[in-house]
PDB file of N, CA and C in Angstrom:
ATOM      1  N   MET A   1     115.740  27.061 -60.690  1.00  0.00           N
ATOM      2  CA  MET A   1     115.251  25.987 -60.495  1.00  0.00           C
ATOM      3  C   MET A   1     114.446  25.511 -58.447  1.00  0.00           C
ATOM      4  N   THR A   2     114.728  27.436 -58.564  1.00  0.00           N
ATOM      5  CA  THR A   2     113.428  27.073 -57.283  1.00  0.00           C
ATOM      6  C   THR A   2     112.813  27.462 -56.521  1.00  0.00           C
ATOM      7  N   GLY A   3     112.218  27.746 -57.870  1.00  0.00           N
ATOM      8  CA  GLY A   3     111.169  28.340 -58.239  1.00  0.00           C
ATOM      9  C   GLY A   3     110.111  26.428 -58.881  1.00  0.00           C
ATOM     10  N   LEU A   4     110.218  25.215 -60.210  1.00  0.00           N
ATOM     11  CA  LEU A   4     110.531  24.473 -60.425  1.00  0.00           C
ATOM     12  C   LEU A   4     110.112  24.017 -58.965  1.00  0.00           C
ATOM     13  N   ARG A   5     111.241  24.022 -57.992  1.00  0.00           N
ATOM     14  CA  ARG A   5     110.870  22.370 -57.426  1.00  0.00           C
ATOM     15  C   ARG A   5     109.698  23.263 -56.671  1.00  0.00           C
ATOM     16  N   HIS A   6     109.048  24.373 -56.362  1.00  0.00           N
ATOM     17  CA  HIS A   6     108.204  24.946 -55.060  1.00  0.00           C
ATOM     18  C   HIS A   6     106.275  24.383 -56.534  1.00  0.00           C
ATOM     19  N   ARG A   7     106.265  24.883 -57.864  1.00  0.00           N
ATOM     20  CA  ARG A   7     105.978  24.533 -58.510  1.00  0.00           C
ATOM     21  C   ARG A   7     105.230  22.883 -58.369  1.00  0.00           C
ATOM     22  N   ILE A   8     105.845  21.172 -58.138  1.00  0.00           N
ATOM     23  CA  ILE A   8     105.916  20.722 -58.257  1.00  0.00           C
ATOM     24  C   ILE A   8     105.271  20.102 -56.924  1.00  0.00           C
ATOM     25  N   LEU A   9     105.718  20.598 -55.692  1.00  0.00           N
ATOM     26  CA  LEU A   9     105.455  20.991 -54.738  1.00  0.00           C
ATOM     27  C   LEU A   9     104.129  21.167 -54.214  1.00  0.00           C
ATOM     28  N   LEU A  10     103.020  20.324 -53.764  1.00  0.00           N
ATOM     29  CA  LEU A  10     101.504  22.211 -53.647  1.00  0.00           C
ATOM     30  C   LEU A  10     102.109  22.496 -51.859  1.00  0.00           C
ATOM     31  N   HIS A  11     101.984  21.095 -50.933  1.00  0.00           N
ATOM     32  CA  HIS A  11     102.092  20.911 -49.997  1.00  0.00           C
ATOM     33  C   HIS A  11     102.272  20.127 -49.014  1.00  0.00           C
ATOM     34  N   ALA A  12     102.014  19.685 -48.117  1.00  0.00           N
ATOM     35  CA  ALA A  12     102.391  18.734 -48.453  1.00  0.00           C
ATOM     36  C   ALA A  12     100.567  17.856 -47.226  1.00  0.00           C
ATOM     37  N   TYR A  13     100.725  16.418 -47.228  1.00  0.00           N
ATOM     38  CA  TYR A  13      98.742  15.533 -47.323  1.00  0.00           C
ATOM     39  C   TYR A  13      98.653  15.015 -46.124  1.00  0.00           C
ATOM     40  N   VAL A  14      97.862  15.289 -45.232  1.00  0.00           N
ATOM     41  CA  VAL A  14      98.413  14.807 -43.676  1.00  0.00           C
ATOM     42  C   VAL A  14      96.667  14.608 -43.600  1.00  0.00           C
ATOM     43  N   THR A  15      96.889  12.869 -42.941  1.00  0.00           N
ATOM     44  CA  THR A  15      96.238  12.220 -42.298  1.00  0.00           C
ATOM     45  C   THR A  15      95.987  10.900 -42.071  1.00  0.00           C
ATOM     46  N   GLU A  16      94.651  10.708 -41.298  1.00  0.00           N
ATOM     47  CA  GLU A  16      95.051   9.750 -39.799  1.00  0.00           C
ATOM     48  C   GLU A  16      96.489   8.741 -40.491  1.00  0.00           C
ATOM     49  N   LYS A  17      96.493   8.125 -41.957  1.00  0.00           N
ATOM     50  CA  LYS A  17      96.871   6.890 -42.436  1.00  0.00           C
ATOM     51  C   LYS A  17      98.322   7.917 -43.310  1.00  0.00           C
ATOM     52  N   SER A  18      98.074   8.647 -43.636  1.00  0.00           N
ATOM     53  CA  SER A  18      99.460   9.648 -43.773  1.00  0.00           C
ATOM     54  C   SER A  18     100.218   9.326 -42.264  1.00  0.00           C
ATOM     55  N   MET A  19      99.391   9.995 -41.449  1.00  0.00           N
ATOM     56  CA  MET A  19     100.659  10.155 -40.225  1.00  0.00           C
ATOM     57  C   MET A  19     100.891   8.469 -39.705  1.00  0.00           C
ATOM     58  N   ASP A  20     100.411   7.874 -39.209  1.00  0.00           N
ATOM     59  CA  ASP A  20     100.991   6.249 -38.643  1.00  0.00           C
ATOM     60  C   ASP A  20     101.799   5.880 -39.562  1.00  0.00           C
ATOM     61  N   GLU A  21     102.298   5.665 -41.359  1.00  0.00           N
ATOM     62  CA  GLU A  21     103.222   5.803 -42.178  1.00  0.00           C
ATOM     63  C   GLU A  21     104.257   6.694 -41.639  1.00  0.00           C
ATOM     64  N   MET A  22     104.235   7.667 -41.148  1.00  0.00           N
ATOM     65  CA  MET A  22     105.496   8.554 -40.661  1.00  0.00           C
ATOM     66  C   MET A  22     105.579   7.304 -40.157  1.00  0.00           C
ATOM     67  N   GLU A  23     105.182   7.427 -39.133  1.00  0.00           N
ATOM     68  CA  GLU A  23     105.807   6.947 -37.386  1.00  0.00           C
ATOM     69  C   GLU A  23     106.429   6.139 -37.634  1.00  0.00           C
ATOM     70  N   ARG A  24     105.470   4.710 -38.594  1.00  0.00           N
ATOM     71  CA  ARG A  24     106.002   3.523 -38.810  1.00  0.00           C
ATOM     72  C   ARG A  24     107.335   3.363 -39.754  1.00  0.00           C
ATOM     73  N   LEU A  25     107.039   3.285 -40.850  1.00  0.00           N
ATOM     74  CA  LEU A  25     107.614   3.324 -42.505  1.00  0.00           C
ATOM     75  C   LEU A  25     107.996   4.089 -42.981  1.00  0.00           C
ATOM     76  N   ASN A  26     108.222   5.347 -42.102  1.00  0.00           N
ATOM     77  CA  ASN A  26     109.019   6.147 -42.742  1.00  0.00           C
ATOM     78  C   ASN A  26     109.363   7.268 -44.056  1.00  0.00           C
ATOM     79  N   LYS A  27     107.801   7.958 -44.172  1.00  0.00           N
ATOM     80  CA  LYS A  27     107.201   8.005 -45.204  1.00  0.00           C
ATOM     81  C   LYS A  27     106.414   9.209 -45.017  1.00  0.00           C
ATOM     82  N   LEU A  28     106.178  10.539 -46.215  1.00  0.00           N
ATOM     83  CA  LEU A  28     105.736  11.063 -46.046  1.00  0.00           C
ATOM     84  C   LEU A  28     104.165  11.632 -46.999  1.00  0.00           C
ATOM     85  N   GLU A  29     103.085  12.368 -47.143  1.00  0.00           N
ATOM     86  CA  GLU A  29     102.767  12.222 -48.649  1.00  0.00           C
ATOM     87  C   GLU A  29     102.700  14.044 -49.331  1.00  0.00           C
ATOM     88  N   PHE A  30     102.483  13.605 -50.095  1.00  0.00           N
ATOM     89  CA  PHE A  30     102.733  15.607 -50.333  1.00  0.00           C
ATOM     90  C   PHE A  30     101.708  14.968 -52.052  1.00  0.00           C
ATOM     91  N   VAL A  31     100.484  16.841 -51.864  1.00  0.00           N
ATOM     92  CA  VAL A  31     100.225  16.831 -52.543  1.00  0.00           C
ATOM     93  C   VAL A  31     100.899  17.852 -54.210  1.00  0.00           C
ATOM     94  N   VAL A  32     101.110  17.233 -55.552  1.00  0.00           N
ATOM     95  CA  VAL A  32     101.703  17.425 -55.351  1.00  0.00           C
ATOM     96  C   VAL A  32     101.270  17.428 -58.026  1.00  0.00           C
ATOM     97  N   ASP A  33     102.063  18.621 -58.568  1.00  0.00           N
ATOM     98  CA  ASP A  33     101.204  19.016 -59.729  1.00  0.00           C
ATOM     99  C   ASP A  33     101.342  18.110 -60.126  1.00  0.00           C
ATOM    100  N   ARG A  34      99.893  18.003 -60.788  1.00  0.00           N
ATOM    101  CA  ARG A  34      99.221  16.051 -61.102  1.00  0.00           C
ATOM    102  C   ARG A  34     100.439  16.404 -62.915  1.00  0.00           C
ATOM    103  N   ARG A  35     101.230  17.643 -64.295  1.00  0.00           N
ATOM    104  CA  ARG A  35     101.837  16.283 -64.777  1.00  0.00           C
ATOM    105  C   ARG A  35     103.852  16.876 -63.483  1.00  0.00           C
ATOM    106  N   ALA A  36     103.317  16.103 -62.925  1.00  0.00           N
ATOM    107  CA  ALA A  36     104.977  15.540 -62.114  1.00  0.00           C
ATOM    108  C   ALA A  36     105.243  13.965 -62.283  1.00  0.00           C
ATOM    109  N   ASN A  37     106.457  14.303 -62.506  1.00  0.00           N
ATOM    110  CA  ASN A  37     106.634  12.490 -62.237  1.00  0.00           C
ATOM    111  C   ASN A  37     106.814  11.299 -61.276  1.00  0.00           C
ATOM    112  N   ARG A  38     108.002  10.966 -61.005  1.00  0.00           N
ATOM    113  CA  ARG A  38     107.983   9.577 -59.380  1.00  0.00           C
ATOM    114  C   ARG A  38     110.097  11.253 -59.343  1.00  0.00           C
ATOM    115  N   ALA A  39     110.292  11.273 -61.270  1.00  0.00           N
ATOM    116  CA  ALA A  39     111.935  11.767 -60.939  1.00  0.00           C
ATOM    117  C   ALA A  39     111.989  13.478 -60.604  1.00  0.00           C
ATOM    118  N   GLU A  40     111.244  14.052 -60.744  1.00  0.00           N
ATOM    119  CA  GLU A  40     110.653  14.704 -61.036  1.00  0.00           C
ATOM    120  C   GLU A  40     110.370  15.153 -59.071  1.00  0.00           C
ATOM    121  N   VAL A  41     109.355  14.520 -58.530  1.00  0.00           N
ATOM    122  CA  VAL A  41     109.343  14.643 -57.072  1.00  0.00           C
ATOM    123  C   VAL A  41     110.719  14.007 -55.932  1.00  0.00           C
ATOM    124  N   LYS A  42     110.972  12.665 -56.748  1.00  0.00           N
ATOM    125  CA  LYS A  42     112.027  13.594 -55.232  1.00  0.00           C
ATOM    126  C   LYS A  42     113.377  13.838 -55.722  1.00  0.00           C
ATOM    127  N   ARG A  43     113.545  14.840 -56.973  1.00  0.00           N
ATOM    128  CA  ARG A  43     115.460  16.365 -57.120  1.00  0.00           C
ATOM    129  C   ARG A  43     113.778  16.824 -55.639  1.00  0.00           C
ATOM    130  N   ALA A  44     113.041  17.041 -56.522  1.00  0.00           N
ATOM    131  CA  ALA A  44     112.709  18.602 -56.004  1.00  0.00           C
ATOM    132  C   ALA A  44     112.762  17.276 -53.908  1.00  0.00           C
ATOM    133  N   ILE A  45     111.905  17.290 -54.001  1.00  0.00           N
ATOM    134  CA  ILE A  45     111.786  16.513 -51.836  1.00  0.00           C
ATOM    135  C   ILE A  45     113.077  16.607 -51.924  1.00  0.00           C
ATOM    136  N   GLU A  46     114.974  15.800 -52.979  1.00  0.00           N
ATOM    137  CA  GLU A  46     115.480  16.189 -51.705  1.00  0.00           C
ATOM    138  C   GLU A  46     116.146  17.326 -52.059  1.00  0.00           C
ATOM    139  N   GLU A  47     115.854  18.052 -53.264  1.00  0.00           N
ATOM    140  CA  GLU A  47     117.505  19.723 -53.494  1.00  0.00           C
ATOM    141  C   GLU A  47     116.283  20.677 -52.004  1.00  0.00           C
ATOM    142  N   LEU A  48     115.326  20.275 -51.816  1.00  0.00           N
ATOM    143  CA  LEU A  48     114.060  21.573 -51.081  1.00  0.00           C
ATOM    144  C   LEU A  48     114.608  21.421 -49.584  1.00  0.00           C
ATOM    145  N   TYR A  49     114.806  19.590 -49.634  1.00  0.00           N
ATOM    146  CA  TYR A  49     114.639  20.057 -47.642  1.00  0.00           C
ATOM    147  C   TYR A  49     116.323  19.287 -47.195  1.00  0.00           C
ATOM    148  N   SER A  50     116.737  18.849 -48.020  1.00  0.00           N
ATOM    149  CA  SER A  50     117.882  18.192 -48.028  1.00  0.00           C
ATOM    150  C   SER A  50     118.210  17.018 -46.931  1.00  0.00           C
ATOM    151  N   CYS A  51     118.087  15.809 -48.206  1.00  0.00           N
ATOM    152  CA  CYS A  51     117.510  14.501 -47.784  1.00  0.00           C
ATOM    153  C   CYS A  51     117.910  13.885 -48.995  1.00  0.00           C
ATOM    154  N   LYS A  52     117.760  12.845 -48.367  1.00  0.00           N
ATOM    155  CA  LYS A  52     118.047  10.958 -49.339  1.00  0.00           C
ATOM    156  C   LYS A  52     116.430  10.588 -49.516  1.00  0.00           C
ATOM    157  N   VAL A  53     115.409  10.093 -50.812  1.00  0.00           N
ATOM    158  CA  VAL A  53     114.340   9.698 -51.040  1.00  0.00           C
ATOM    159  C   VAL A  53     115.320   7.753 -51.551  1.00  0.00           C
ATOM    160  N   ALA A  54     114.343   6.577 -50.471  1.00  0.00           N
ATOM    161  CA  ALA A  54     114.898   5.799 -51.332  1.00  0.00           C
ATOM    162  C   ALA A  54     113.406   5.836 -51.434  1.00  0.00           C
ATOM    163  N   LYS A  55     112.540   5.859 -51.675  1.00  0.00           N
ATOM    164  CA  LYS A  55     111.771   5.956 -53.249  1.00  0.00           C
ATOM    165  C   LYS A  55     110.579   6.862 -53.133  1.00  0.00           C
ATOM    166  N   VAL A  56     109.403   6.960 -54.753  1.00  0.00           N
ATOM    167  CA  VAL A  56     108.276   7.648 -54.581  1.00  0.00           C
ATOM    168  C   VAL A  56     107.300   7.156 -54.990  1.00  0.00           C
ATOM    169  N   ASN A  57     105.663   7.656 -54.311  1.00  0.00           N
ATOM    170  CA  ASN A  57     105.011   5.989 -55.436  1.00  0.00           C
ATOM    171  C   ASN A  57     103.831   7.325 -55.406  1.00  0.00           C
ATOM    172  N   MET A  58     103.195   6.805 -56.660  1.00  0.00           N
ATOM    173  CA  MET A  58     102.268   8.644 -57.323  1.00  0.00           C
ATOM    174  C   MET A  58     100.786   8.291 -57.121  1.00  0.00           C
ATOM    175  N   LYS A  59      99.538   9.382 -57.053  1.00  0.00           N
ATOM    176  CA  LYS A  59      98.403   8.087 -56.790  1.00  0.00           C
ATOM    177  C   LYS A  59      97.372   9.482 -57.519  1.00  0.00           C
ATOM    178  N   ILE A  60      96.312   9.051 -58.210  1.00  0.00           N
ATOM    179  CA  ILE A  60      95.870  10.220 -58.824  1.00  0.00           C
ATOM    180  C   ILE A  60      94.067   9.514 -57.866  1.00  0.00           C
ATOM    181  N   VAL A  61      94.551  11.008 -57.209  1.00  0.00           N
ATOM    182  CA  VAL A  61      92.553  10.605 -56.649  1.00  0.00           C
ATOM    183  C   VAL A  61      91.176  12.548 -56.687  1.00  0.00           C
ATOM    184  N   ARG A  62      90.149  12.412 -56.532  1.00  0.00           N
ATOM    185  CA  ARG A  62      89.214  12.964 -56.811  1.00  0.00           C
ATOM    186  C   ARG A  62      90.421  14.768 -57.514  1.00  0.00           C
ATOM    187  N   SER A  63      91.150  15.178 -55.606  1.00  0.00           N
ATOM    188  CA  SER A  63      90.751  16.580 -55.619  1.00  0.00           C
ATOM    189  C   SER A  63      92.547  16.489 -55.931  1.00  0.00           C
ATOM    190  N   GLY A  64      93.539  15.843 -56.877  1.00  0.00           N
ATOM    191  CA  GLY A  64      94.695  15.704 -57.501  1.00  0.00           C
ATOM    192  C   GLY A  64      95.010  15.040 -56.836  1.00  0.00           C
ATOM    193  N   LYS A  65      97.213  14.806 -57.606  1.00  0.00           N
ATOM    194  CA  LYS A  65      97.161  13.480 -57.733  1.00  0.00           C
ATOM    195  C   LYS A  65      98.608  14.444 -56.267  1.00  0.00           C
ATOM    196  N   ILE A  66      98.970  12.380 -55.723  1.00  0.00           N
ATOM    197  CA  ILE A  66      99.609  12.520 -54.088  1.00  0.00           C
ATOM    198  C   ILE A  66     100.457  11.806 -54.422  1.00  0.00           C
ATOM    199  N   ALA A  67     101.469  12.815 -53.925  1.00  0.00           N
ATOM    200  CA  ALA A  67     102.731  11.224 -54.620  1.00  0.00           C
ATOM    201  C   ALA A  67     102.984  10.986 -52.843  1.00  0.00           C
ATOM    202  N   THR A  68     103.688   9.632 -52.616  1.00  0.00           N
ATOM    203  CA  THR A  68     104.455   9.235 -51.048  1.00  0.00           C
ATOM    204  C   THR A  68     105.556   8.888 -51.613  1.00  0.00           C
ATOM    205  N   VAL A  69     106.153   9.770 -50.106  1.00  0.00           N
ATOM    206  CA  VAL A  69     108.074   9.187 -50.308  1.00  0.00           C
ATOM    207  C   VAL A  69     108.287   8.363 -49.062  1.00  0.00           C
ATOM    208  N   ARG A  70     109.070   7.891 -49.364  1.00  0.00           N
ATOM    209  CA  ARG A  70     110.411   6.983 -48.293  1.00  0.00           C
ATOM    210  C   ARG A  70     111.202   7.428 -48.357  1.00  0.00           C
ATOM    211  N   PHE A  71     111.570   7.658 -46.814  1.00  0.00           N
ATOM    212  CA  PHE A  71     112.007   8.448 -47.115  1.00  0.00           C
ATOM    213  C   PHE A  71     113.837   7.268 -46.308  1.00  0.00           C
ATOM    214  N   ALA A  72     115.212   8.036 -46.831  1.00  0.00           N
ATOM    215  CA  ALA A  72     115.754   7.033 -46.286  1.00  0.00           C
ATOM    216  C   ALA A  72     116.523   6.578 -45.025  1.00  0.00           C
ATOM    217  N   LYS A  73     117.099   5.487 -44.640  1.00  0.00           N
ATOM    218  CA  LYS A  73     117.193   5.609 -43.555  1.00  0.00           C
ATOM    219  C   LYS A  73     117.141   6.263 -41.955  1.00  0.00           C
ATOM    220  N   ASP A  74     118.736   6.462 -43.264  1.00  0.00           N
ATOM    221  CA  ASP A  74     119.299   7.762 -42.534  1.00  0.00           C
ATOM    222  C   ASP A  74     118.840   9.112 -42.489  1.00  0.00           C
ATOM    223  N   TYR A  75     117.843   9.301 -42.654  1.00  0.00           N
ATOM    224  CA  TYR A  75     116.948  10.225 -42.684  1.00  0.00           C
ATOM    225  C   TYR A  75     114.521   9.699 -41.994  1.00  0.00           C
ATOM    226  N   SER A  76     115.132  10.956 -41.664  1.00  0.00           N
ATOM    227  CA  SER A  76     113.677  10.814 -40.049  1.00  0.00           C
ATOM    228  C   SER A  76     112.885  11.612 -40.702  1.00  0.00           C
ATOM    229  N   ALA A  77     111.564  11.146 -41.417  1.00  0.00           N
ATOM    230  CA  ALA A  77     109.977  11.503 -42.079  1.00  0.00           C
ATOM    231  C   ALA A  77     109.329  12.854 -40.870  1.00  0.00           C
ATOM    232  N   GLU A  78     109.374  12.113 -40.072  1.00  0.00           N
ATOM    233  CA  GLU A  78     109.312  13.570 -38.988  1.00  0.00           C
ATOM    234  C   GLU A  78     110.218  14.449 -39.140  1.00  0.00           C
ATOM    235  N   ASP A  79     111.292  14.644 -39.138  1.00  0.00           N
ATOM    236  CA  ASP A  79     111.786  16.222 -38.737  1.00  0.00           C
ATOM    237  C   ASP A  79     111.397  16.494 -40.733  1.00  0.00           C
ATOM    238  N   ILE A  80     111.825  15.631 -41.100  1.00  0.00           N
ATOM    239  CA  ILE A  80     110.945  16.283 -42.729  1.00  0.00           C
ATOM    240  C   ILE A  80     110.017  17.117 -42.984  1.00  0.00           C
ATOM    241  N   GLY A  81     109.130  16.046 -42.236  1.00  0.00           N
ATOM    242  CA  GLY A  81     107.438  16.566 -41.511  1.00  0.00           C
ATOM    243  C   GLY A  81     107.508  17.904 -41.415  1.00  0.00           C
ATOM    244  N   THR A  82     107.704  17.994 -40.104  1.00  0.00           N
ATOM    245  CA  THR A  82     108.517  19.219 -39.491  1.00  0.00           C
ATOM    246  C   THR A  82     108.723  20.393 -39.774  1.00  0.00           C
ATOM    247  N   ARG A  83     109.869  20.093 -40.478  1.00  0.00           N
ATOM    248  CA  ARG A  83     110.117  21.873 -41.917  1.00  0.00           C
ATOM    249  C   ARG A  83     107.946  21.711 -42.758  1.00  0.00           C
ATOM    250  N   ALA A  84     108.349  20.349 -43.411  1.00  0.00           N
ATOM    251  CA  ALA A  84     106.968  20.544 -44.720  1.00  0.00           C
ATOM    252  C   ALA A  84     106.221  21.711 -43.818  1.00  0.00           C
ATOM    253  N   GLY A  85     106.086  21.869 -43.054  1.00  0.00           N
ATOM    254  CA  GLY A  85     104.771  22.408 -42.534  1.00  0.00           C
ATOM    255  C   GLY A  85     103.573  21.765 -41.820  1.00  0.00           C
ATOM    256  N   VAL A  86     104.347  20.222 -41.396  1.00  0.00           N
ATOM    257  CA  VAL A  86     102.601  18.903 -40.963  1.00  0.00           C
ATOM    258  C   VAL A  86     102.758  19.606 -39.484  1.00  0.00           C
ATOM    259  N   PHE A  87     103.169  18.935 -38.474  1.00  0.00           N
ATOM    260  CA  PHE A  87     103.191  20.229 -37.080  1.00  0.00           C
ATOM    261  C   PHE A  87     102.509  21.378 -37.601  1.00  0.00           C
TER     262      PHE A  87
END
């Protein structure tokens, strides 16, 4: 299962907009495998970072597939971003 999580989540996606959403809306963005669906992304993030995910939105861009993840109120996106290598 560990290998599967790392194949779904490729890396954190950092832009000015994503940094603003991290502070204001408790969200992070990740580049994910194009074949991954919302449930797989949610499960991978919850297991990898030991947190609860409230919602996952997906968008396909030229460079790949990006998942915007909103965390539950008990978890801070800034703390999880630090573990994900955003900073």
